[in-house]
């Protein structure tokens, strides 16, 4: 089974606007928080428990990838993703941790 990477923005192309728009959705923040808990791990996209249908999941994965929050890899009928922690920390230090912390401690 061939494995291929989908198109992703380069690290130097990451912009805070698309990242914040992607993180505005509660389901996508949940996915990013789960990935951030184990940033060196690649995870099967189907392993996330989201209260949405398959087409909505596909949309969420695309938004996360196009914003530059995750790397996705297509492996036949399986799709894997991992957080772009190093790229995000280099471009926007502390942003992901701040968003996750704010979600855990709403006022």
N, C-alpha and C. Protein backbone atom coordinates (compact mmCIF):
# COMPACT_ATOMS: atom_id res chain seq x y z
N UNK A 1 0.84 -1.17 0.00
CA UNK A 1 0.00 0.00 0.00
C UNK A 1 0.89 1.24 0.00
N UNK A 2 0.74 2.08 -0.96
CA UNK A 2 1.56 3.29 -1.07
C UNK A 2 1.10 4.32 -0.05
N UNK A 3 2.07 5.07 0.44
CA UNK A 3 1.78 6.14 1.39
C UNK A 3 2.19 7.45 0.74
N UNK A 4 1.38 8.48 0.93
CA UNK A 4 1.74 9.77 0.35
C UNK A 4 1.32 10.89 1.28
N UNK A 5 2.07 11.98 1.19
CA UNK A 5 1.73 13.17 1.97
C UNK A 5 0.83 14.05 1.14
N UNK A 6 -0.09 14.68 1.80
CA UNK A 6 -0.98 15.64 1.15
C UNK A 6 -0.28 17.00 1.14
N UNK A 7 -0.77 17.95 0.34
CA UNK A 7 -0.12 19.27 0.31
C UNK A 7 -0.29 20.01 1.64
N UNK A 8 0.81 20.60 2.11
CA UNK A 8 0.82 21.35 3.36
C UNK A 8 1.55 22.67 3.14
N UNK A 9 1.18 23.71 3.86
CA UNK A 9 1.97 24.95 3.76
C UNK A 9 3.34 24.72 4.40
N UNK A 10 4.35 25.37 3.85
CA UNK A 10 5.69 25.29 4.43
C UNK A 10 5.69 26.06 5.75
N UNK A 11 6.60 25.74 6.63
CA UNK A 11 6.66 26.36 7.96
C UNK A 11 6.72 27.88 7.87
N UNK A 12 7.50 28.39 6.94
CA UNK A 12 7.63 29.85 6.81
C UNK A 12 6.38 30.51 6.24
N UNK A 13 5.46 29.71 5.71
CA UNK A 13 4.21 30.24 5.16
C UNK A 13 3.07 30.26 6.18
N UNK A 14 3.28 29.67 7.34
CA UNK A 14 2.21 29.61 8.34
C UNK A 14 1.83 31.03 8.77
N UNK A 15 0.52 31.26 8.85
CA UNK A 15 0.00 32.57 9.23
C UNK A 15 -0.97 32.41 10.40
N UNK A 16 -0.94 33.35 11.31
CA UNK A 16 -1.75 33.25 12.51
C UNK A 16 -3.25 33.31 12.20
N UNK A 17 -3.68 34.06 11.20
CA UNK A 17 -5.10 34.19 10.88
C UNK A 17 -5.76 32.85 10.57
N UNK A 18 -5.27 32.10 9.58
CA UNK A 18 -5.86 30.79 9.28
C UNK A 18 -5.77 29.81 10.46
N UNK A 19 -4.71 29.92 11.24
CA UNK A 19 -4.57 29.04 12.40
C UNK A 19 -5.65 29.34 13.42
N UNK A 20 -5.86 30.63 13.71
CA UNK A 20 -6.90 31.00 14.68
C UNK A 20 -8.30 30.66 14.17
N UNK A 21 -8.52 30.83 12.87
CA UNK A 21 -9.82 30.45 12.30
C UNK A 21 -10.05 28.94 12.45
N UNK A 22 -9.02 28.16 12.20
CA UNK A 22 -9.14 26.71 12.34
C UNK A 22 -9.42 26.34 13.80
N UNK A 23 -8.78 27.05 14.72
CA UNK A 23 -8.95 26.75 16.14
C UNK A 23 -10.23 27.32 16.73
N UNK A 24 -10.97 28.10 15.95
CA UNK A 24 -12.24 28.66 16.44
C UNK A 24 -13.28 27.57 16.64
N UNK A 25 -13.12 26.45 15.96
CA UNK A 25 -14.08 25.35 16.06
C UNK A 25 -13.71 24.43 17.22
N UNK A 26 -14.69 24.14 18.07
CA UNK A 26 -14.47 23.30 19.25
C UNK A 26 -13.96 21.90 18.90
N UNK A 27 -14.48 21.30 17.85
CA UNK A 27 -14.03 19.95 17.46
C UNK A 27 -12.57 19.97 17.02
N UNK A 28 -12.18 20.98 16.27
CA UNK A 28 -10.79 21.05 15.82
C UNK A 28 -9.86 21.35 17.00
N UNK A 29 -10.30 22.18 17.94
CA UNK A 29 -9.48 22.43 19.14
C UNK A 29 -9.28 21.14 19.92
N UNK A 30 -10.32 20.32 20.00
CA UNK A 30 -10.23 19.04 20.71
C UNK A 30 -9.18 18.15 20.04
N UNK A 31 -9.21 18.08 18.71
CA UNK A 31 -8.24 17.26 17.98
C UNK A 31 -6.82 17.78 18.23
N UNK A 32 -6.63 19.09 18.15
CA UNK A 32 -5.30 19.67 18.38
C UNK A 32 -4.84 19.41 19.81
N UNK A 33 -5.74 19.52 20.77
CA UNK A 33 -5.38 19.24 22.17
C UNK A 33 -4.95 17.79 22.35
N UNK A 34 -5.68 16.87 21.72
CA UNK A 34 -5.31 15.45 21.82
C UNK A 34 -3.96 15.19 21.17
N UNK A 35 -3.72 15.82 20.03
CA UNK A 35 -2.43 15.65 19.35
C UNK A 35 -1.31 16.29 20.16
N UNK A 36 -1.59 17.43 20.78
CA UNK A 36 -0.57 18.13 21.57
C UNK A 36 -0.17 17.34 22.81
N UNK A 37 -1.07 16.51 23.31
CA UNK A 37 -0.76 15.68 24.47
C UNK A 37 0.34 14.66 24.16
N UNK A 38 0.45 14.28 22.88
CA UNK A 38 1.48 13.34 22.41
C UNK A 38 2.02 13.85 21.08
N UNK A 39 2.78 14.93 21.10
CA UNK A 39 3.17 15.61 19.86
C UNK A 39 4.06 14.82 18.91
N UNK A 40 4.73 13.81 19.40
CA UNK A 40 5.62 13.03 18.53
C UNK A 40 4.92 11.84 17.90
N UNK A 41 3.65 11.66 18.23
CA UNK A 41 2.89 10.51 17.75
C UNK A 41 2.06 10.87 16.52
N UNK A 42 2.05 9.97 15.56
CA UNK A 42 1.16 10.07 14.41
C UNK A 42 -0.10 9.28 14.78
N UNK A 43 -1.25 9.82 14.43
CA UNK A 43 -2.50 9.18 14.85
C UNK A 43 -3.43 8.98 13.67
N UNK A 44 -4.13 7.88 13.68
CA UNK A 44 -5.13 7.58 12.67
C UNK A 44 -6.29 8.57 12.82
N UNK A 45 -6.66 9.23 11.75
CA UNK A 45 -7.74 10.22 11.81
C UNK A 45 -9.04 9.62 12.33
N UNK A 46 -9.31 8.38 11.98
CA UNK A 46 -10.55 7.73 12.40
C UNK A 46 -10.57 7.47 13.91
N UNK A 47 -9.45 7.63 14.59
CA UNK A 47 -9.39 7.34 16.02
C UNK A 47 -9.96 8.46 16.89
N UNK A 48 -10.23 9.62 16.30
CA UNK A 48 -10.78 10.73 17.07
C UNK A 48 -12.29 10.57 17.20
N UNK A 49 -12.79 10.75 18.39
CA UNK A 49 -14.23 10.67 18.63
C UNK A 49 -14.82 12.07 18.51
N UNK A 50 -15.44 12.33 17.38
CA UNK A 50 -16.09 13.62 17.16
C UNK A 50 -17.56 13.39 16.88
N UNK A 51 -18.42 14.27 17.40
CA UNK A 51 -19.87 14.10 17.22
C UNK A 51 -20.36 14.63 15.88
N UNK A 52 -19.66 14.26 14.81
CA UNK A 52 -20.01 14.74 13.47
C UNK A 52 -19.92 13.58 12.47
N UNK A 53 -20.54 13.77 11.30
CA UNK A 53 -20.50 12.76 10.26
C UNK A 53 -19.18 12.73 9.52
N UNK A 54 -19.05 11.75 8.64
CA UNK A 54 -17.80 11.54 7.89
C UNK A 54 -17.42 12.76 7.05
N UNK A 55 -18.39 13.37 6.36
CA UNK A 55 -18.05 14.52 5.51
C UNK A 55 -17.59 15.71 6.35
N UNK A 56 -18.17 15.88 7.53
CA UNK A 56 -17.72 16.96 8.42
C UNK A 56 -16.32 16.68 8.95
N UNK A 57 -16.04 15.43 9.26
CA UNK A 57 -14.69 15.06 9.71
C UNK A 57 -13.67 15.41 8.62
N UNK A 58 -13.98 15.01 7.40
CA UNK A 58 -13.10 15.29 6.27
C UNK A 58 -12.85 16.79 6.14
N UNK A 59 -13.89 17.58 6.31
CA UNK A 59 -13.75 19.04 6.26
C UNK A 59 -12.82 19.52 7.39
N UNK A 60 -13.00 19.01 8.61
CA UNK A 60 -12.16 19.42 9.74
C UNK A 60 -10.69 19.08 9.49
N UNK A 61 -10.45 17.88 8.95
CA UNK A 61 -9.05 17.47 8.67
C UNK A 61 -8.42 18.41 7.65
N UNK A 62 -9.18 18.76 6.61
CA UNK A 62 -8.66 19.65 5.57
C UNK A 62 -8.35 21.03 6.15
N UNK A 63 -9.25 21.57 6.96
CA UNK A 63 -9.03 22.89 7.57
C UNK A 63 -7.77 22.88 8.44
N UNK A 64 -7.62 21.85 9.25
CA UNK A 64 -6.43 21.76 10.10
C UNK A 64 -5.15 21.67 9.27
N UNK A 65 -5.20 20.87 8.20
CA UNK A 65 -4.01 20.71 7.34
C UNK A 65 -3.69 22.00 6.60
N UNK A 66 -4.70 22.62 5.99
CA UNK A 66 -4.46 23.83 5.20
C UNK A 66 -4.03 25.00 6.06
N UNK A 67 -4.45 25.04 7.32
CA UNK A 67 -4.00 26.10 8.23
C UNK A 67 -2.56 25.87 8.68
N UNK A 68 -2.08 24.63 8.52
CA UNK A 68 -0.72 24.30 8.92
C UNK A 68 -0.59 23.75 10.32
N UNK A 69 -1.70 23.39 10.92
CA UNK A 69 -1.66 22.85 12.28
C UNK A 69 -1.21 21.39 12.32
N UNK A 70 -1.51 20.63 11.28
CA UNK A 70 -1.18 19.21 11.27
C UNK A 70 -0.53 18.81 9.95
N UNK A 71 0.23 17.72 10.03
CA UNK A 71 0.69 17.02 8.83
C UNK A 71 -0.26 15.84 8.67
N UNK A 72 -0.68 15.61 7.45
CA UNK A 72 -1.49 14.44 7.16
C UNK A 72 -0.76 13.57 6.16
N UNK A 73 -0.95 12.27 6.34
CA UNK A 73 -0.36 11.29 5.43
C UNK A 73 -1.45 10.32 5.02
N UNK A 74 -1.58 10.15 3.73
CA UNK A 74 -2.56 9.23 3.17
C UNK A 74 -1.89 7.88 2.96
N UNK A 75 -2.45 6.85 3.57
CA UNK A 75 -1.92 5.50 3.42
C UNK A 75 -3.03 4.59 2.89
N UNK A 76 -3.36 4.77 1.63
CA UNK A 76 -4.42 3.97 1.03
C UNK A 76 -5.77 4.38 1.56
N UNK A 77 -6.42 3.49 2.29
CA UNK A 77 -7.73 3.82 2.83
C UNK A 77 -7.65 4.33 4.27
N UNK A 78 -6.46 4.69 4.70
CA UNK A 78 -6.26 5.24 6.05
C UNK A 78 -5.57 6.59 5.94
N UNK A 79 -5.97 7.49 6.82
CA UNK A 79 -5.40 8.82 6.86
C UNK A 79 -4.83 9.05 8.26
N UNK A 80 -3.58 9.48 8.31
CA UNK A 80 -2.89 9.71 9.57
C UNK A 80 -2.57 11.19 9.71
N UNK A 81 -2.48 11.66 10.96
CA UNK A 81 -2.07 13.04 11.18
C UNK A 81 -1.26 13.15 12.45
N UNK A 82 -0.47 14.21 12.48
CA UNK A 82 0.28 14.57 13.67
C UNK A 82 0.39 16.08 13.73
N UNK A 83 0.54 16.60 14.92
CA UNK A 83 0.65 18.04 15.14
C UNK A 83 1.99 18.54 14.62
N UNK A 84 1.99 19.71 14.01
CA UNK A 84 3.24 20.33 13.54
C UNK A 84 3.84 21.17 14.66
N UNK A 85 4.09 20.54 15.78
CA UNK A 85 4.51 21.23 16.99
C UNK A 85 5.77 22.07 16.80
N UNK A 86 6.80 21.51 16.21
CA UNK A 86 8.06 22.26 16.05
C UNK A 86 7.84 23.49 15.17
N UNK A 87 7.15 23.32 14.05
CA UNK A 87 6.90 24.44 13.14
C UNK A 87 6.06 25.51 13.83
N UNK A 88 5.03 25.08 14.54
CA UNK A 88 4.13 26.03 15.23
C UNK A 88 4.86 26.75 16.35
N UNK A 89 5.65 26.02 17.13
CA UNK A 89 6.39 26.65 18.23
C UNK A 89 7.44 27.64 17.72
N UNK A 90 8.03 27.33 16.59
CA UNK A 90 9.04 28.21 16.01
C UNK A 90 8.39 29.50 15.49
N UNK A 91 7.26 29.37 14.81
CA UNK A 91 6.58 30.54 14.22
C UNK A 91 5.79 31.34 15.24
N UNK A 92 5.08 30.64 16.13
CA UNK A 92 4.17 31.29 17.09
C UNK A 92 4.37 30.67 18.47
N UNK A 93 5.48 31.00 19.14
CA UNK A 93 5.78 30.38 20.44
C UNK A 93 4.64 30.52 21.44
N UNK A 94 4.24 29.38 22.00
CA UNK A 94 3.23 29.37 23.06
C UNK A 94 1.78 29.44 22.60
N UNK A 95 1.54 29.65 21.31
CA UNK A 95 0.16 29.83 20.83
C UNK A 95 -0.71 28.60 21.10
N UNK A 96 -0.25 27.44 20.70
CA UNK A 96 -1.05 26.23 20.84
C UNK A 96 -1.29 25.94 22.32
N UNK A 97 -0.25 26.06 23.14
CA UNK A 97 -0.41 25.82 24.57
C UNK A 97 -1.40 26.80 25.19
N UNK A 98 -1.36 28.07 24.76
CA UNK A 98 -2.29 29.07 25.29
C UNK A 98 -3.74 28.76 24.91
N UNK A 99 -3.97 28.33 23.68
CA UNK A 99 -5.32 28.00 23.23
C UNK A 99 -5.85 26.79 24.00
N UNK A 100 -5.01 25.78 24.17
CA UNK A 100 -5.42 24.58 24.90
C UNK A 100 -5.72 24.92 26.36
N UNK A 101 -4.85 25.71 26.98
CA UNK A 101 -5.05 26.10 28.38
C UNK A 101 -6.32 26.92 28.54
N UNK A 102 -6.60 27.82 27.61
CA UNK A 102 -7.82 28.64 27.69
C UNK A 102 -9.06 27.78 27.56
N UNK A 103 -8.97 26.73 26.74
CA UNK A 103 -10.11 25.84 26.57
C UNK A 103 -10.38 25.03 27.84
N UNK A 104 -9.33 24.68 28.55
CA UNK A 104 -9.47 23.92 29.79
C UNK A 104 -9.99 24.78 30.93
N UNK A 105 -9.70 26.08 30.88
CA UNK A 105 -10.05 26.98 31.97
C UNK A 105 -10.91 28.14 31.49
N UNK A 106 -12.10 27.86 30.96
CA UNK A 106 -12.93 28.97 30.47
C UNK A 106 -13.41 29.84 31.62
N UNK A 107 -13.57 31.12 31.34
CA UNK A 107 -14.04 32.06 32.39
C UNK A 107 -15.48 32.30 32.25
